[in-house]
Amino acid sequence: MPKMKTNSGAKKRFSLTGSGKIKRKHAYKSHILTKKTKKQKRNLTHAGLIHKSDENNVKKLLALK
């Protein structure tokens, strides 16, 4: 059976932490920033972790499962 290919879009959007969790960036931080408050933009800067319910799908895209 051939190897699983990693989804190119997913490999650009997600990264693994040392403990094996999957890190993600927040959406809505790329354009139309003039109408967003400083607080809103600042809070979107910090990276988050993906939700547990999405973990299996993302791992499949990253060929980890």
Protein backbone atom coordinates (compact mmCIF):
# COMPACT_ATOMS: atom_id res chain seq x y z
CA MET A 1 0.00 0.00 0.00
CA PRO A 2 1.36 3.50 -0.83
CA LYS A 3 2.34 6.04 1.77
CA MET A 4 -0.23 8.59 2.95
CA LYS A 5 0.32 12.07 1.51
CA THR A 6 0.21 15.07 3.80
CA ASN A 7 -2.39 17.67 2.85
CA SER A 8 -0.42 20.73 1.66
CA GLY A 9 -2.91 23.25 3.04
CA ALA A 10 -2.94 21.58 6.45
CA LYS A 11 0.84 21.42 6.76
CA LYS A 12 0.98 25.21 6.30
CA ARG A 13 -1.74 25.88 8.89
CA PHE A 14 -0.98 23.50 11.75
CA SER A 15 2.11 22.58 13.72
CA LEU A 16 2.82 19.99 16.39
CA THR A 17 3.84 20.89 19.94
CA GLY A 18 6.39 18.89 21.88
CA SER A 19 3.67 17.02 23.76
CA GLY A 20 1.90 16.04 20.52
CA LYS A 21 -0.92 18.58 20.57
CA ILE A 22 -1.76 20.51 17.39
CA LYS A 23 -1.26 24.28 17.32
CA ARG A 24 -3.25 26.65 15.12
CA LYS A 25 -3.48 30.35 14.37
CA HIS A 26 -6.58 32.47 14.77
CA ALA A 27 -8.63 33.51 11.76
CA TYR A 28 -9.66 37.11 10.91
CA LYS A 29 -6.15 38.60 11.33
CA SER A 30 -5.12 39.01 7.69
CA HIS A 31 -7.07 41.94 6.22
CA ILE A 32 -9.83 44.49 6.91
CA LEU A 33 -8.07 45.33 10.16
CA THR A 34 -9.06 49.01 10.32
CA LYS A 35 -12.51 48.34 11.75
CA LYS A 36 -11.25 45.87 14.38
CA THR A 37 -10.27 47.15 17.80
CA LYS A 38 -6.71 46.95 19.15
CA LYS A 39 -7.89 44.49 21.78
CA GLN A 40 -9.51 42.26 19.17
CA LYS A 41 -6.39 42.22 16.99
CA ARG A 42 -4.11 41.61 19.99
CA ASN A 43 -6.18 38.64 21.14
CA LEU A 44 -6.13 37.13 17.64
CA THR A 45 -2.31 37.24 17.64
CA HIS A 46 -1.85 34.42 20.15
CA ALA A 47 -1.83 30.86 18.83
CA GLY A 48 -4.31 28.33 20.17
CA LEU A 49 -4.78 24.59 20.18
CA ILE A 50 -7.30 22.79 18.02
CA HIS A 51 -10.47 21.48 19.64
CA LYS A 52 -10.57 17.84 20.68
CA SER A 53 -13.45 17.11 18.27
CA ASP A 54 -11.32 18.27 15.29
CA GLU A 55 -8.20 16.37 16.33
CA ASN A 56 -8.85 13.17 14.35
CA ASN A 57 -9.63 15.04 11.11
CA VAL A 58 -6.52 17.23 11.35
CA LYS A 59 -4.29 14.27 12.20
CA LYS A 60 -5.62 12.48 9.13
CA LEU A 61 -4.79 15.51 6.96
CA LEU A 62 -1.29 15.64 8.42
CA ALA A 63 -0.86 11.87 7.84
CA LEU A 64 -0.25 11.26 11.54
CA LYS A 65 -2.96 8.65 11.90
